[in-house]
Amino acid sequence: MSQASPQFVDFIVDRLSGIDGITTNRFFGGTGLSAHATQFAMVMGGSLYFVVDKDTRPRYEKLGSTCFAYDTKARRVQVRKYFEVPIEIIEDHEALAVLAREAVLAAQGLKTKKPAGKRA
């Protein structure tokens, strides 16, 4: 998988200017996007992926999106936490903002869930 170009990352960050507190960081050959220390997206190659949860994943599936995946020597790994944002959404500033806000909330929700069988 090719790395995200700095220009594409800048373009995406600019498109997400309505999301408060966005920062970027290197992330497994790509760039992670966080809002107030919660990673909600990543740019890998020429694709933008948002965090999804059980409630938001169906919307991406209806749009024909696929989850982030990569190959190891043994198999293809699907990361169902991240789904690709279609180019039509990236080009639609309002639709992108809606999905980005949902991704931030989904990421925050996943961050606060405790693993099964563990007690605080």
N, C-alpha and C. Protein backbone atom coordinates (compact mmCIF):
# COMPACT_ATOMS: atom_id res chain seq x y z
N MET A 1 0.85 -1.19 0.00
CA MET A 1 0.00 0.00 0.00
C MET A 1 0.89 1.23 0.00
N SER A 2 0.56 2.16 -0.85
CA SER A 2 1.35 3.39 -0.92
C SER A 2 0.99 4.32 0.22
N GLN A 3 1.96 5.14 0.58
CA GLN A 3 1.73 6.10 1.66
C GLN A 3 0.87 7.25 1.16
N ALA A 4 0.18 7.86 2.09
CA ALA A 4 -0.65 9.02 1.76
C ALA A 4 0.26 10.20 1.43
N SER A 5 -0.05 10.89 0.36
CA SER A 5 0.75 12.07 0.01
C SER A 5 0.41 13.20 0.97
N PRO A 6 1.41 13.99 1.33
CA PRO A 6 1.14 15.14 2.22
C PRO A 6 0.08 16.08 1.64
N GLN A 7 0.03 16.21 0.32
CA GLN A 7 -0.95 17.09 -0.31
C GLN A 7 -2.37 16.55 -0.10
N PHE A 8 -2.54 15.23 -0.23
CA PHE A 8 -3.86 14.64 -0.03
C PHE A 8 -4.29 14.78 1.43
N VAL A 9 -3.37 14.55 2.35
CA VAL A 9 -3.68 14.71 3.78
C VAL A 9 -4.09 16.15 4.05
N ASP A 10 -3.35 17.11 3.51
CA ASP A 10 -3.70 18.53 3.70
C ASP A 10 -5.08 18.83 3.13
N PHE A 11 -5.38 18.25 1.96
CA PHE A 11 -6.69 18.43 1.33
C PHE A 11 -7.80 17.91 2.25
N ILE A 12 -7.60 16.72 2.80
CA ILE A 12 -8.60 16.12 3.68
C ILE A 12 -8.77 16.96 4.95
N VAL A 13 -7.67 17.37 5.55
CA VAL A 13 -7.75 18.19 6.77
C VAL A 13 -8.49 19.49 6.46
N ASP A 14 -8.23 20.09 5.31
CA ASP A 14 -8.94 21.30 4.91
C ASP A 14 -10.43 21.02 4.75
N ARG A 15 -10.79 19.89 4.14
CA ARG A 15 -12.20 19.53 3.95
C ARG A 15 -12.89 19.31 5.30
N LEU A 16 -12.10 18.92 6.32
CA LEU A 16 -12.66 18.65 7.64
C LEU A 16 -12.51 19.84 8.59
N SER A 17 -12.35 21.02 8.04
CA SER A 17 -12.08 22.21 8.86
C SER A 17 -13.21 22.51 9.85
N GLY A 18 -14.39 21.98 9.63
CA GLY A 18 -15.50 22.21 10.55
C GLY A 18 -15.43 21.33 11.81
N ILE A 19 -14.52 20.39 11.82
CA ILE A 19 -14.34 19.52 12.99
C ILE A 19 -13.27 20.15 13.86
N ASP A 20 -13.63 20.45 15.09
CA ASP A 20 -12.74 21.16 16.01
C ASP A 20 -11.62 20.26 16.52
N GLY A 21 -10.42 20.82 16.63
CA GLY A 21 -9.31 20.15 17.29
C GLY A 21 -8.65 19.04 16.51
N ILE A 22 -8.64 19.09 15.17
CA ILE A 22 -8.03 18.02 14.38
C ILE A 22 -6.51 18.10 14.42
N THR A 23 -5.91 16.95 14.65
CA THR A 23 -4.45 16.80 14.56
C THR A 23 -4.16 15.58 13.70
N THR A 24 -2.93 15.54 13.17
CA THR A 24 -2.51 14.40 12.36
C THR A 24 -1.29 13.75 12.99
N ASN A 25 -1.13 12.46 12.70
CA ASN A 25 0.04 11.74 13.16
C ASN A 25 0.33 10.57 12.22
N ARG A 26 1.59 10.16 12.14
CA ARG A 26 1.96 9.01 11.34
C ARG A 26 1.25 7.79 11.91
N PHE A 27 0.78 6.92 11.02
CA PHE A 27 -0.03 5.79 11.46
C PHE A 27 0.15 4.63 10.48
N PHE A 28 0.99 3.66 10.82
CA PHE A 28 1.16 2.44 10.02
C PHE A 28 1.28 2.71 8.51
N GLY A 29 2.17 3.57 8.13
CA GLY A 29 2.35 3.86 6.70
C GLY A 29 1.38 4.88 6.16
N GLY A 30 0.50 5.36 6.98
CA GLY A 30 -0.46 6.38 6.56
C GLY A 30 -0.47 7.51 7.56
N THR A 31 -1.58 8.20 7.62
CA THR A 31 -1.73 9.31 8.55
C THR A 31 -3.02 9.15 9.33
N GLY A 32 -2.92 9.23 10.64
CA GLY A 32 -4.11 9.19 11.50
C GLY A 32 -4.64 10.59 11.70
N LEU A 33 -5.95 10.72 11.78
CA LEU A 33 -6.60 12.00 12.05
C LEU A 33 -7.34 11.86 13.37
N SER A 34 -7.07 12.78 14.29
CA SER A 34 -7.69 12.76 15.60
C SER A 34 -8.40 14.07 15.87
N ALA A 35 -9.44 13.98 16.68
CA ALA A 35 -10.14 15.16 17.18
C ALA A 35 -10.09 15.07 18.70
N HIS A 36 -9.42 16.03 19.31
CA HIS A 36 -9.27 16.04 20.77
C HIS A 36 -8.76 14.71 21.29
N ALA A 37 -7.67 14.23 20.68
CA ALA A 37 -6.94 13.02 21.10
C ALA A 37 -7.68 11.71 20.84
N THR A 38 -8.74 11.74 20.05
CA THR A 38 -9.44 10.51 19.67
C THR A 38 -9.28 10.31 18.17
N GLN A 39 -8.58 9.25 17.79
CA GLN A 39 -8.40 8.99 16.36
C GLN A 39 -9.72 8.51 15.77
N PHE A 40 -10.20 9.24 14.75
CA PHE A 40 -11.48 8.92 14.13
C PHE A 40 -11.36 8.60 12.65
N ALA A 41 -10.15 8.78 12.10
CA ALA A 41 -9.97 8.56 10.67
C ALA A 41 -8.51 8.26 10.38
N MET A 42 -8.29 7.73 9.17
CA MET A 42 -6.93 7.56 8.69
C MET A 42 -6.92 7.72 7.18
N VAL A 43 -5.80 8.21 6.70
CA VAL A 43 -5.57 8.33 5.27
C VAL A 43 -4.49 7.32 4.92
N MET A 44 -4.84 6.39 4.04
CA MET A 44 -3.90 5.38 3.58
C MET A 44 -3.89 5.45 2.06
N GLY A 45 -2.71 5.67 1.50
CA GLY A 45 -2.64 5.83 0.05
C GLY A 45 -3.50 7.00 -0.36
N GLY A 46 -4.38 6.79 -1.31
CA GLY A 46 -5.28 7.84 -1.77
C GLY A 46 -6.68 7.69 -1.23
N SER A 47 -6.81 7.04 -0.07
CA SER A 47 -8.15 6.79 0.50
C SER A 47 -8.27 7.34 1.91
N LEU A 48 -9.47 7.80 2.22
CA LEU A 48 -9.83 8.26 3.55
C LEU A 48 -10.73 7.20 4.17
N TYR A 49 -10.43 6.82 5.40
CA TYR A 49 -11.23 5.85 6.14
C TYR A 49 -11.71 6.49 7.44
N PHE A 50 -12.99 6.28 7.76
CA PHE A 50 -13.54 6.75 9.02
C PHE A 50 -13.80 5.56 9.93
N VAL A 51 -13.72 5.80 11.24
CA VAL A 51 -14.09 4.80 12.23
C VAL A 51 -15.60 4.60 12.15
N VAL A 52 -16.01 3.35 12.22
CA VAL A 52 -17.44 3.01 12.24
C VAL A 52 -17.72 2.15 13.47
N ASP A 53 -18.98 2.06 13.82
CA ASP A 53 -19.42 1.15 14.86
C ASP A 53 -20.62 0.39 14.31
N LYS A 54 -21.25 -0.41 15.13
CA LYS A 54 -22.36 -1.24 14.65
C LYS A 54 -23.52 -0.40 14.10
N ASP A 55 -23.65 0.83 14.59
CA ASP A 55 -24.74 1.68 14.13
C ASP A 55 -24.43 2.42 12.83
N THR A 56 -23.17 2.78 12.62
CA THR A 56 -22.82 3.57 11.44
C THR A 56 -22.32 2.72 10.27
N ARG A 57 -21.83 1.51 10.53
CA ARG A 57 -21.30 0.64 9.47
C ARG A 57 -22.30 0.39 8.34
N PRO A 58 -23.59 0.14 8.63
CA PRO A 58 -24.54 -0.13 7.53
C PRO A 58 -24.62 0.99 6.49
N ARG A 59 -24.47 2.24 6.91
CA ARG A 59 -24.52 3.35 5.96
C ARG A 59 -23.38 3.22 4.93
N TYR A 60 -22.20 2.90 5.41
CA TYR A 60 -21.06 2.75 4.52
C TYR A 60 -21.25 1.56 3.58
N GLU A 61 -21.80 0.48 4.12
CA GLU A 61 -22.05 -0.69 3.29
C GLU A 61 -23.06 -0.36 2.19
N LYS A 62 -24.10 0.44 2.52
CA LYS A 62 -25.08 0.85 1.51
C LYS A 62 -24.44 1.72 0.43
N LEU A 63 -23.43 2.49 0.82
CA LEU A 63 -22.72 3.34 -0.14
C LEU A 63 -21.75 2.53 -1.00
N GLY A 64 -21.62 1.25 -0.70
CA GLY A 64 -20.70 0.40 -1.45
C GLY A 64 -19.27 0.45 -0.95
N SER A 65 -19.06 1.02 0.23
CA SER A 65 -17.72 1.13 0.80
C SER A 65 -17.26 -0.22 1.34
N THR A 66 -15.96 -0.35 1.43
CA THR A 66 -15.37 -1.55 2.01
C THR A 66 -14.48 -1.14 3.17
N CYS A 67 -14.23 -2.10 4.03
CA CYS A 67 -13.38 -1.81 5.17
C CYS A 67 -11.91 -1.80 4.73
N PHE A 68 -11.10 -1.19 5.55
CA PHE A 68 -9.66 -1.18 5.32
C PHE A 68 -9.16 -2.62 5.41
N ALA A 69 -8.28 -3.00 4.51
CA ALA A 69 -7.73 -4.36 4.52
C ALA A 69 -6.28 -4.31 4.08
N TYR A 70 -5.52 -5.27 4.56
CA TYR A 70 -4.12 -5.40 4.14
C TYR A 70 -3.75 -6.87 4.14
N ASP A 71 -2.70 -7.20 3.41
CA ASP A 71 -2.25 -8.57 3.27
C ASP A 71 -1.03 -8.84 4.15
N THR A 72 -1.04 -9.98 4.80
CA THR A 72 0.14 -10.48 5.50
C THR A 72 0.63 -11.68 4.69
N LYS A 73 1.70 -12.30 5.12
CA LYS A 73 2.18 -13.50 4.43
C LYS A 73 1.16 -14.62 4.51
N ALA A 74 0.39 -14.65 5.59
CA ALA A 74 -0.54 -15.75 5.82
C ALA A 74 -1.96 -15.51 5.30
N ARG A 75 -2.42 -14.24 5.30
CA ARG A 75 -3.82 -14.01 4.94
C ARG A 75 -4.09 -12.53 4.71
N ARG A 76 -5.31 -12.26 4.31
CA ARG A 76 -5.79 -10.88 4.16
C ARG A 76 -6.51 -10.51 5.46
N VAL A 77 -6.11 -9.39 6.04
CA VAL A 77 -6.70 -8.92 7.30
C VAL A 77 -7.67 -7.78 6.98
N GLN A 78 -8.89 -7.91 7.47
CA GLN A 78 -9.89 -6.85 7.30
C GLN A 78 -10.05 -6.13 8.63
N VAL A 79 -9.94 -4.81 8.59
CA VAL A 79 -10.08 -3.99 9.78
C VAL A 79 -11.46 -3.33 9.69
N ARG A 80 -12.45 -4.00 10.27
CA ARG A 80 -13.84 -3.56 10.12
C ARG A 80 -14.18 -2.33 10.95
N LYS A 81 -13.21 -1.81 11.67
CA LYS A 81 -13.39 -0.57 12.43
C LYS A 81 -13.29 0.65 11.51
N TYR A 82 -12.61 0.49 10.36
CA TYR A 82 -12.40 1.58 9.42
C TYR A 82 -13.03 1.26 8.07
N PHE A 83 -13.90 2.16 7.60
CA PHE A 83 -14.50 2.00 6.27
C PHE A 83 -14.12 3.20 5.40
N GLU A 84 -13.92 2.91 4.11
CA GLU A 84 -13.51 3.94 3.17
C GLU A 84 -14.65 4.93 2.93
N VAL A 85 -14.28 6.20 2.87
CA VAL A 85 -15.24 7.27 2.58
C VAL A 85 -15.26 7.46 1.07
N PRO A 86 -16.42 7.27 0.43
CA PRO A 86 -16.49 7.43 -1.03
C PRO A 86 -16.13 8.85 -1.47
N ILE A 87 -15.55 8.95 -2.65
CA ILE A 87 -15.12 10.24 -3.19
C ILE A 87 -16.29 11.23 -3.29
N GLU A 88 -17.50 10.71 -3.58
CA GLU A 88 -18.67 11.61 -3.68
C GLU A 88 -18.93 12.30 -2.34
N ILE A 89 -18.66 11.60 -1.25
CA ILE A 89 -18.85 12.18 0.08
C ILE A 89 -17.74 13.19 0.36
N ILE A 90 -16.52 12.85 0.01
CA ILE A 90 -15.39 13.77 0.22
C ILE A 90 -15.64 15.09 -0.51
N GLU A 91 -16.24 15.00 -1.69
CA GLU A 91 -16.50 16.20 -2.49
C GLU A 91 -17.69 17.00 -1.99
N ASP A 92 -18.55 16.39 -1.17
CA ASP A 92 -19.74 17.05 -0.63
C ASP A 92 -19.42 17.49 0.80
N HIS A 93 -19.10 18.76 0.95
CA HIS A 93 -18.62 19.27 2.24
C HIS A 93 -19.57 18.96 3.39
N GLU A 94 -20.87 19.15 3.20
CA GLU A 94 -21.84 18.90 4.26
C GLU A 94 -21.94 17.42 4.61
N ALA A 95 -22.01 16.57 3.60
CA ALA A 95 -22.10 15.12 3.85
C ALA A 95 -20.84 14.63 4.54
N LEU A 96 -19.68 15.15 4.15
CA LEU A 96 -18.43 14.77 4.78
C LEU A 96 -18.42 15.17 6.25
N ALA A 97 -18.90 16.37 6.55
CA ALA A 97 -18.93 16.84 7.93
C ALA A 97 -19.83 15.96 8.79
N VAL A 98 -20.97 15.54 8.24
CA VAL A 98 -21.89 14.67 8.99
C VAL A 98 -21.21 13.35 9.32
N LEU A 99 -20.60 12.72 8.30
CA LEU A 99 -19.94 11.43 8.54
C LEU A 99 -18.75 11.58 9.47
N ALA A 100 -18.03 12.68 9.36
CA ALA A 100 -16.87 12.90 10.24
C ALA A 100 -17.31 13.03 11.69
N ARG A 101 -18.37 13.78 11.93
CA ARG A 101 -18.86 13.92 13.31
C ARG A 101 -19.32 12.57 13.86
N GLU A 102 -19.99 11.78 13.01
CA GLU A 102 -20.41 10.44 13.43
C GLU A 102 -19.19 9.57 13.73
N ALA A 103 -18.14 9.70 12.92
CA ALA A 103 -16.92 8.92 13.13
C ALA A 103 -16.24 9.28 14.45
N VAL A 104 -16.24 10.57 14.77
CA VAL A 104 -15.66 11.01 16.05
C VAL A 104 -16.45 10.38 17.20
N LEU A 105 -17.77 10.43 17.13
CA LEU A 105 -18.60 9.84 18.19
C LEU A 105 -18.41 8.33 18.26
N ALA A 106 -18.33 7.68 17.11
CA ALA A 106 -18.11 6.23 17.09
C ALA A 106 -16.76 5.89 17.72
N ALA A 107 -15.73 6.64 17.38
CA ALA A 107 -14.40 6.40 17.94
C ALA A 107 -14.39 6.64 19.44
N GLN A 108 -15.06 7.68 19.88
CA GLN A 108 -15.13 7.94 21.32
C GLN A 108 -15.86 6.80 22.03
N GLY A 109 -16.93 6.31 21.42
CA GLY A 109 -17.68 5.20 22.01
C GLY A 109 -16.87 3.93 22.08
N LEU A 110 -16.11 3.64 21.04
CA LEU A 110 -15.27 2.44 21.04
C LEU A 110 -14.14 2.57 22.05
N LYS A 111 -13.68 3.79 22.23
CA LYS A 111 -12.58 4.06 23.17
C LYS A 111 -13.02 3.84 24.62
N THR A 112 -14.30 4.11 24.91
CA THR A 112 -14.76 4.03 26.29
C THR A 112 -15.32 2.66 26.65
N LYS A 113 -15.56 1.80 25.65
CA LYS A 113 -16.08 0.48 25.95
C LYS A 113 -15.01 -0.36 26.63
N LYS A 114 -15.43 -1.09 27.62
CA LYS A 114 -14.49 -1.97 28.34
C LYS A 114 -14.54 -3.35 27.69
N PRO A 115 -13.40 -4.03 27.61
CA PRO A 115 -13.39 -5.39 27.05
C PRO A 115 -14.31 -6.32 27.85
N ALA A 116 -14.94 -7.25 27.16
CA ALA A 116 -15.84 -8.19 27.82
C ALA A 116 -15.08 -8.98 28.88
N GLY A 117 -15.74 -9.20 29.99
CA GLY A 117 -15.15 -9.99 31.06
C GLY A 117 -14.26 -9.21 32.00
N LYS A 118 -14.01 -7.95 31.73
CA LYS A 118 -13.16 -7.13 32.60
C LYS A 118 -14.04 -6.20 33.41
N ARG A 119 -13.66 -6.02 34.65
CA ARG A 119 -14.42 -5.11 35.51
C ARG A 119 -13.55 -3.98 35.96
N ALA A 120 -14.15 -2.83 36.14
CA ALA A 120 -13.40 -1.65 36.58
C ALA A 120 -13.15 -1.70 38.07
